[in-house]
PDB file of N, CA and C in Angstrom:
ATOM      1  N   MET A   1      74.080 -55.710   7.277  1.00  0.00           N
ATOM      2  CA  MET A   1      74.084 -55.085   6.024  1.00  0.00           C
ATOM      3  C   MET A   1      72.727 -54.638   5.151  1.00  0.00           C
ATOM      4  N   VAL A   2      72.505 -55.925   5.037  1.00  0.00           N
ATOM      5  CA  VAL A   2      71.427 -56.275   4.036  1.00  0.00           C
ATOM      6  C   VAL A   2      70.337 -55.629   4.567  1.00  0.00           C
ATOM      7  N   ASN A   3      69.940 -55.518   6.001  1.00  0.00           N
ATOM      8  CA  ASN A   3      68.626 -54.820   6.330  1.00  0.00           C
ATOM      9  C   ASN A   3      68.868 -53.330   5.926  1.00  0.00           C
ATOM     10  N   PHE A   4      69.955 -52.857   6.171  1.00  0.00           N
ATOM     11  CA  PHE A   4      70.255 -51.254   5.713  1.00  0.00           C
ATOM     12  C   PHE A   4      69.588 -51.387   4.098  1.00  0.00           C
ATOM     13  N   GLY A   5      70.203 -52.296   3.705  1.00  0.00           N
ATOM     14  CA  GLY A   5      69.879 -51.954   1.877  1.00  0.00           C
ATOM     15  C   GLY A   5      68.276 -52.238   1.793  1.00  0.00           C
ATOM     16  N   ASP A   6      67.660 -52.647   2.612  1.00  0.00           N
ATOM     17  CA  ASP A   6      66.493 -53.288   2.116  1.00  0.00           C
ATOM     18  C   ASP A   6      65.557 -52.046   2.968  1.00  0.00           C
ATOM     19  N   ARG A   7      66.131 -51.346   3.730  1.00  0.00           N
ATOM     20  CA  ARG A   7      65.085 -50.029   4.057  1.00  0.00           C
ATOM     21  C   ARG A   7      65.558 -49.443   3.188  1.00  0.00           C
ATOM     22  N   THR A   8      66.550 -48.838   2.997  1.00  0.00           N
ATOM     23  CA  THR A   8      66.923 -47.665   1.794  1.00  0.00           C
ATOM     24  C   THR A   8      66.395 -47.983   0.755  1.00  0.00           C
ATOM     25  N   ALA A   9      66.015 -49.145  -0.168  1.00  0.00           N
ATOM     26  CA  ALA A   9      65.466 -49.511  -0.729  1.00  0.00           C
ATOM     27  C   ALA A   9      63.692 -49.198  -0.633  1.00  0.00           C
ATOM     28  N   ALA A  10      63.231 -49.785   0.479  1.00  0.00           N
ATOM     29  CA  ALA A  10      62.292 -49.275   0.977  1.00  0.00           C
ATOM     30  C   ALA A  10      61.832 -47.915   1.111  1.00  0.00           C
ATOM     31  N   ILE A  11      62.781 -46.979   1.304  1.00  0.00           N
ATOM     32  CA  ILE A  11      62.546 -45.561   1.383  1.00  0.00           C
ATOM     33  C   ILE A  11      62.128 -44.662   0.134  1.00  0.00           C
ATOM     34  N   PHE A  12      63.180 -45.224  -0.622  1.00  0.00           N
ATOM     35  CA  PHE A  12      63.031 -44.462  -2.106  1.00  0.00           C
ATOM     36  C   PHE A  12      61.655 -45.343  -2.738  1.00  0.00           C
ATOM     37  N   GLN A  13      61.269 -46.460  -2.519  1.00  0.00           N
ATOM     38  CA  GLN A  13      60.468 -46.931  -2.780  1.00  0.00           C
ATOM     39  C   GLN A  13      59.108 -46.076  -2.638  1.00  0.00           C
ATOM     40  N   GLY A  14      59.241 -45.868  -1.708  1.00  0.00           N
ATOM     41  CA  GLY A  14      58.295 -45.123  -0.902  1.00  0.00           C
ATOM     42  C   GLY A  14      58.154 -43.665  -1.524  1.00  0.00           C
ATOM     43  N   ALA A  15      59.254 -43.444  -1.765  1.00  0.00           N
ATOM     44  CA  ALA A  15      59.352 -41.575  -2.115  1.00  0.00           C
ATOM     45  C   ALA A  15      58.958 -41.481  -3.505  1.00  0.00           C
ATOM     46  N   PHE A  16      58.742 -42.817  -4.194  1.00  0.00           N
ATOM     47  CA  PHE A  16      58.962 -43.113  -5.676  1.00  0.00           C
ATOM     48  C   PHE A  16      57.398 -42.773  -5.620  1.00  0.00           C
ATOM     49  N   ASP A  17      56.639 -43.932  -5.081  1.00  0.00           N
ATOM     50  CA  ASP A  17      55.539 -44.168  -4.968  1.00  0.00           C
ATOM     51  C   ASP A  17      54.592 -42.316  -4.564  1.00  0.00           C
ATOM     52  N   ALA A  18      55.160 -42.196  -3.543  1.00  0.00           N
ATOM     53  CA  ALA A  18      54.584 -40.764  -3.693  1.00  0.00           C
ATOM     54  C   ALA A  18      54.500 -39.991  -4.544  1.00  0.00           C
ATOM     55  N   ALA A  19      55.593 -39.724  -4.987  1.00  0.00           N
ATOM     56  CA  ALA A  19      55.935 -39.081  -6.153  1.00  0.00           C
ATOM     57  C   ALA A  19      54.691 -38.975  -7.120  1.00  0.00           C
ATOM     58  N   VAL A  20      54.951 -40.421  -7.645  1.00  0.00           N
ATOM     59  CA  VAL A  20      53.925 -40.855  -8.751  1.00  0.00           C
ATOM     60  C   VAL A  20      52.246 -40.432  -8.331  1.00  0.00           C
ATOM     61  N   ALA A  21      52.126 -40.746  -7.063  1.00  0.00           N
ATOM     62  CA  ALA A  21      50.492 -39.876  -6.583  1.00  0.00           C
ATOM     63  C   ALA A  21      50.298 -38.790  -6.656  1.00  0.00           C
ATOM     64  N   ILE A  22      51.146 -37.972  -6.167  1.00  0.00           N
ATOM     65  CA  ILE A  22      51.369 -36.732  -6.423  1.00  0.00           C
ATOM     66  C   ILE A  22      51.316 -35.983  -8.022  1.00  0.00           C
ATOM     67  N   TRP A  23      51.853 -36.392  -8.499  1.00  0.00           N
ATOM     68  CA  TRP A  23      51.964 -36.032 -10.210  1.00  0.00           C
ATOM     69  C   TRP A  23      50.890 -36.499 -10.596  1.00  0.00           C
ATOM     70  N   GLY A  24      50.579 -38.027 -10.251  1.00  0.00           N
ATOM     71  CA  GLY A  24      49.136 -38.349 -11.004  1.00  0.00           C
ATOM     72  C   GLY A  24      47.936 -37.768 -10.732  1.00  0.00           C
ATOM     73  N   GLY A  25      47.505 -36.855  -9.512  1.00  0.00           N
ATOM     74  CA  GLY A  25      46.622 -35.916  -9.343  1.00  0.00           C
ATOM     75  C   GLY A  25      46.726 -34.704 -10.056  1.00  0.00           C
ATOM     76  N   LEU A  26      47.755 -34.436 -10.686  1.00  0.00           N
ATOM     77  CA  LEU A  26      47.943 -33.068 -11.160  1.00  0.00           C
ATOM     78  C   LEU A  26      47.143 -32.760 -12.371  1.00  0.00           C
ATOM     79  N   PRO A  27      46.726 -33.719 -12.875  1.00  0.00           N
ATOM     80  CA  PRO A  27      46.048 -33.490 -14.263  1.00  0.00           C
ATOM     81  C   PRO A  27      44.726 -33.009 -13.736  1.00  0.00           C
ATOM     82  N   GLY A  28      44.297 -34.069 -12.842  1.00  0.00           N
ATOM     83  CA  GLY A  28      42.912 -33.452 -12.293  1.00  0.00           C
ATOM     84  C   GLY A  28      42.677 -32.300 -11.505  1.00  0.00           C
ATOM     85  N   THR A  29      43.772 -31.998 -10.923  1.00  0.00           N
ATOM     86  CA  THR A  29      43.416 -30.716  -9.685  1.00  0.00           C
ATOM     87  C   THR A  29      43.603 -29.433 -11.347  1.00  0.00           C
ATOM     88  N   ILE A  30      44.807 -29.623 -12.231  1.00  0.00           N
ATOM     89  CA  ILE A  30      44.743 -28.500 -13.407  1.00  0.00           C
ATOM     90  C   ILE A  30      43.344 -28.632 -14.112  1.00  0.00           C
ATOM     91  N   GLY A  31      42.568 -29.503 -14.154  1.00  0.00           N
ATOM     92  CA  GLY A  31      41.218 -29.224 -15.127  1.00  0.00           C
ATOM     93  C   GLY A  31      40.457 -28.560 -13.990  1.00  0.00           C
ATOM     94  N   ASP A  32      40.438 -28.719 -12.508  1.00  0.00           N
ATOM     95  CA  ASP A  32      39.388 -28.312 -11.779  1.00  0.00           C
ATOM     96  C   ASP A  32      39.651 -26.793 -11.510  1.00  0.00           C
ATOM     97  N   PHE A  33      40.859 -26.502 -11.786  1.00  0.00           N
ATOM     98  CA  PHE A  33      40.961 -25.052 -11.956  1.00  0.00           C
ATOM     99  C   PHE A  33      40.850 -24.563 -12.922  1.00  0.00           C
ATOM    100  N   ALA A  34      41.136 -25.095 -14.206  1.00  0.00           N
ATOM    101  CA  ALA A  34      40.555 -24.724 -15.304  1.00  0.00           C
ATOM    102  C   ALA A  34      38.960 -24.382 -15.125  1.00  0.00           C
ATOM    103  N   PHE A  35      38.119 -25.211 -14.521  1.00  0.00           N
ATOM    104  CA  PHE A  35      36.730 -25.559 -14.544  1.00  0.00           C
ATOM    105  C   PHE A  35      36.405 -24.463 -13.961  1.00  0.00           C
ATOM    106  N   GLN A  36      36.908 -23.765 -12.610  1.00  0.00           N
ATOM    107  CA  GLN A  36      36.548 -23.008 -11.750  1.00  0.00           C
ATOM    108  C   GLN A  36      36.540 -21.766 -11.977  1.00  0.00           C
ATOM    109  N   ALA A  37      38.046 -21.751 -12.905  1.00  0.00           N
ATOM    110  CA  ALA A  37      38.297 -20.308 -13.543  1.00  0.00           C
ATOM    111  C   ALA A  37      37.363 -19.879 -14.764  1.00  0.00           C
ATOM    112  N   ALA A  38      36.827 -20.653 -15.228  1.00  0.00           N
ATOM    113  CA  ALA A  38      36.043 -20.504 -16.523  1.00  0.00           C
ATOM    114  C   ALA A  38      34.307 -20.199 -15.866  1.00  0.00           C
ATOM    115  N   ASN A  39      34.210 -20.846 -14.645  1.00  0.00           N
ATOM    116  CA  ASN A  39      32.402 -20.631 -14.321  1.00  0.00           C
ATOM    117  C   ASN A  39      32.764 -19.180 -14.057  1.00  0.00           C
ATOM    118  N   GLY A  40      34.039 -18.644 -13.389  1.00  0.00           N
ATOM    119  CA  GLY A  40      34.384 -17.327 -12.728  1.00  0.00           C
ATOM    120  C   GLY A  40      34.444 -16.277 -13.794  1.00  0.00           C
ATOM    121  N   LEU A  41      34.581 -16.733 -14.500  1.00  0.00           N
ATOM    122  CA  LEU A  41      34.558 -16.030 -16.314  1.00  0.00           C
ATOM    123  C   LEU A  41      32.960 -15.989 -17.058  1.00  0.00           C
ATOM    124  N   ILE A  42      32.232 -16.812 -16.604  1.00  0.00           N
ATOM    125  CA  ILE A  42      31.066 -17.024 -17.347  1.00  0.00           C
ATOM    126  C   ILE A  42      29.686 -15.985 -16.227  1.00  0.00           C
ATOM    127  N   SER A  43      30.562 -16.372 -14.504  1.00  0.00           N
ATOM    128  CA  SER A  43      29.599 -15.457 -13.935  1.00  0.00           C
ATOM    129  C   SER A  43      29.835 -13.748 -13.812  1.00  0.00           C
ATOM    130  N   GLY A  44      31.328 -13.555 -14.141  1.00  0.00           N
ATOM    131  CA  GLY A  44      31.345 -12.068 -14.338  1.00  0.00           C
ATOM    132  C   GLY A  44      30.634 -11.630 -15.596  1.00  0.00           C
ATOM    133  N   VAL A  45      31.079 -12.245 -16.935  1.00  0.00           N
ATOM    134  CA  VAL A  45      30.112 -11.690 -17.704  1.00  0.00           C
ATOM    135  C   VAL A  45      28.664 -11.737 -17.505  1.00  0.00           C
ATOM    136  N   GLU A  46      27.914 -13.012 -16.940  1.00  0.00           N
ATOM    137  CA  GLU A  46      26.486 -12.910 -16.638  1.00  0.00           C
ATOM    138  C   GLU A  46      26.136 -11.454 -15.538  1.00  0.00           C
ATOM    139  N   ALA A  47      26.811 -11.365 -14.780  1.00  0.00           N
ATOM    140  CA  ALA A  47      26.574 -10.271 -14.009  1.00  0.00           C
ATOM    141  C   ALA A  47      26.371  -8.709 -14.600  1.00  0.00           C
ATOM    142  N   LYS A  48      27.426  -8.937 -15.531  1.00  0.00           N
ATOM    143  CA  LYS A  48      27.922  -7.358 -16.506  1.00  0.00           C
ATOM    144  C   LYS A  48      26.299  -7.424 -17.834  1.00  0.00           C
ATOM    145  N   LEU A  49      26.361  -8.230 -18.013  1.00  0.00           N
ATOM    146  CA  LEU A  49      25.100  -8.783 -18.856  1.00  0.00           C
ATOM    147  C   LEU A  49      23.417  -8.248 -18.311  1.00  0.00           C
ATOM    148  N   ASN A  50      23.216  -8.673 -17.104  1.00  0.00           N
ATOM    149  CA  ASN A  50      22.295  -8.484 -15.977  1.00  0.00           C
ATOM    150  C   ASN A  50      22.265  -6.747 -15.762  1.00  0.00           C
ATOM    151  N   GLY A  51      23.549  -6.468 -15.450  1.00  0.00           N
ATOM    152  CA  GLY A  51      23.256  -4.708 -15.557  1.00  0.00           C
ATOM    153  C   GLY A  51      23.047  -4.108 -16.458  1.00  0.00           C
ATOM    154  N   VAL A  52      23.627  -4.375 -17.972  1.00  0.00           N
ATOM    155  CA  VAL A  52      23.161  -4.151 -19.040  1.00  0.00           C
ATOM    156  C   VAL A  52      21.706  -4.093 -19.033  1.00  0.00           C
ATOM    157  N   VAL A  53      21.165  -5.052 -19.088  1.00  0.00           N
ATOM    158  CA  VAL A  53      19.951  -5.270 -19.134  1.00  0.00           C
ATOM    159  C   VAL A  53      19.148  -4.405 -18.264  1.00  0.00           C
ATOM    160  N   THR A  54      19.421  -4.534 -17.107  1.00  0.00           N
ATOM    161  CA  THR A  54      18.673  -3.516 -16.033  1.00  0.00           C
ATOM    162  C   THR A  54      18.733  -2.142 -16.330  1.00  0.00           C
ATOM    163  N   ARG A  55      19.734  -1.609 -16.921  1.00  0.00           N
ATOM    164  CA  ARG A  55      19.956   0.059 -17.491  1.00  0.00           C
ATOM    165  C   ARG A  55      18.753   0.167 -18.449  1.00  0.00           C
ATOM    166  N   ILE A  56      18.775  -1.039 -19.407  1.00  0.00           N
ATOM    167  CA  ILE A  56      17.631  -1.101 -20.349  1.00  0.00           C
ATOM    168  C   ILE A  56      16.477  -0.779 -20.146  1.00  0.00           C
ATOM    169  N   ASN A  57      16.130  -1.421 -18.916  1.00  0.00           N
ATOM    170  CA  ASN A  57      14.375  -1.433 -18.381  1.00  0.00           C
ATOM    171  C   ASN A  57      14.745  -0.312 -17.836  1.00  0.00           C
ATOM    172  N   ARG A  58      15.737   0.483 -17.215  1.00  0.00           N
ATOM    173  CA  ARG A  58      15.363   1.737 -16.394  1.00  0.00           C
ATOM    174  C   ARG A  58      15.173   2.834 -17.728  1.00  0.00           C
ATOM    175  N   PHE A  59      15.817   2.690 -18.599  1.00  0.00           N
ATOM    176  CA  PHE A  59      15.677   3.628 -19.486  1.00  0.00           C
ATOM    177  C   PHE A  59      13.965   3.536 -20.447  1.00  0.00           C
ATOM    178  N   ILE A  60      13.826   2.356 -20.619  1.00  0.00           N
ATOM    179  CA  ILE A  60      12.553   2.299 -21.023  1.00  0.00           C
ATOM    180  C   ILE A  60      11.515   2.656 -19.937  1.00  0.00           C
ATOM    181  N   GLU A  61      11.614   2.380 -18.786  1.00  0.00           N
ATOM    182  CA  GLU A  61      10.678   2.866 -18.054  1.00  0.00           C
ATOM    183  C   GLU A  61      10.193   4.533 -17.743  1.00  0.00           C
ATOM    184  N   GLY A  62      11.708   4.939 -17.902  1.00  0.00           N
ATOM    185  CA  GLY A  62      12.184   6.808 -18.198  1.00  0.00           C
ATOM    186  C   GLY A  62      11.156   6.939 -19.428  1.00  0.00           C
ATOM    187  N   LEU A  63      11.045   6.470 -20.470  1.00  0.00           N
ATOM    188  CA  LEU A  63      10.415   6.858 -21.374  1.00  0.00           C
ATOM    189  C   LEU A  63       8.923   6.315 -20.963  1.00  0.00           C
ATOM    190  N   ASN A  64       8.616   5.367 -20.669  1.00  0.00           N
ATOM    191  CA  ASN A  64       7.151   4.907 -20.623  1.00  0.00           C
ATOM    192  C   ASN A  64       6.824   6.373 -19.678  1.00  0.00           C
ATOM    193  N   ALA A  65       7.209   6.445 -18.645  1.00  0.00           N
ATOM    194  CA  ALA A  65       6.887   7.677 -17.837  1.00  0.00           C
ATOM    195  C   ALA A  65       6.957   8.953 -18.490  1.00  0.00           C
ATOM    196  N   ALA A  66       7.747   9.372 -19.275  1.00  0.00           N
ATOM    197  CA  ALA A  66       7.589  10.623 -20.367  1.00  0.00           C
ATOM    198  C   ALA A  66       6.355  10.747 -21.439  1.00  0.00           C
ATOM    199  N   LEU A  67       5.899   9.007 -21.791  1.00  0.00           N
ATOM    200  CA  LEU A  67       5.009   9.139 -22.761  1.00  0.00           C
ATOM    201  C   LEU A  67       3.849   9.192 -21.895  1.00  0.00           C
ATOM    202  N   ALA A  68       3.770   8.930 -20.991  1.00  0.00           N
ATOM    203  CA  ALA A  68       2.788   8.923 -19.736  1.00  0.00           C
ATOM    204  C   ALA A  68       2.287  10.880 -19.462  1.00  0.00           C
ATOM    205  N   LEU A  69       2.965  11.289 -19.627  1.00  0.00           N
ATOM    206  CA  LEU A  69       2.814  12.795 -19.461  1.00  0.00           C
ATOM    207  C   LEU A  69       2.260  13.576 -20.706  1.00  0.00           C
ATOM    208  N   LEU A  70       2.533  13.285 -21.740  1.00  0.00           N
ATOM    209  CA  LEU A  70       1.818  13.734 -23.048  1.00  0.00           C
ATOM    210  C   LEU A  70       0.680  13.802 -22.671  1.00  0.00           C
ATOM    211  N   PRO A  71      -0.257  14.935 -23.620  1.00  0.00           N
ATOM    212  CA  PRO A  71      -1.654  14.527 -23.837  1.00  0.00           C
ATOM    213  C   PRO A  71      -1.951  13.616 -24.831  1.00  0.00           C
ATOM    214  N   GLU A  72      -3.052  13.378 -24.307  1.00  0.00           N
ATOM    215  CA  GLU A  72      -3.720  12.360 -25.457  1.00  0.00           C
ATOM    216  C   GLU A  72      -3.602  12.245 -27.032  1.00  0.00           C
ATOM    217  N   TRP A  73      -3.943  13.745 -27.349  1.00  0.00           N
ATOM    218  CA  TRP A  73      -3.500  13.851 -28.832  1.00  0.00           C
ATOM    219  C   TRP A  73      -2.371  13.598 -29.275  1.00  0.00           C
ATOM    220  N   ALA A  74      -1.238  13.820 -28.222  1.00  0.00           N
ATOM    221  CA  ALA A  74      -0.032  13.638 -28.843  1.00  0.00           C
ATOM    222  C   ALA A  74       0.536  12.226 -28.811  1.00  0.00           C
ATOM    223  N   THR A  75       0.073  11.316 -28.288  1.00  0.00           N
ATOM    224  CA  THR A  75       0.260   9.646 -28.501  1.00  0.00           C
ATOM    225  C   THR A  75      -0.714   8.818 -29.232  1.00  0.00           C
ATOM    226  N   GLY A  76      -1.686   9.006 -29.338  1.00  0.00           N
ATOM    227  CA  GLY A  76      -2.931   8.949 -30.735  1.00  0.00           C
ATOM    228  C   GLY A  76      -3.653   8.046 -29.910  1.00  0.00           C
TER     229      GLY A  76
END
């Protein structure tokens, strides 16, 4: 009977230790998830800003091309 009690106590101790290990790693996991989400957000904003810069550059190139077509007396 003592042997049964020792085994039962060991099982519960093992289950408790496993739960502590799992829950102990949870803050780090949540932190990693938040870090990855922030990086994803930053990447998305960066891509949008790069798209805006590309459009502005194309607009300026179009203006320069139009100005190049004007006669010399019009551009000074």
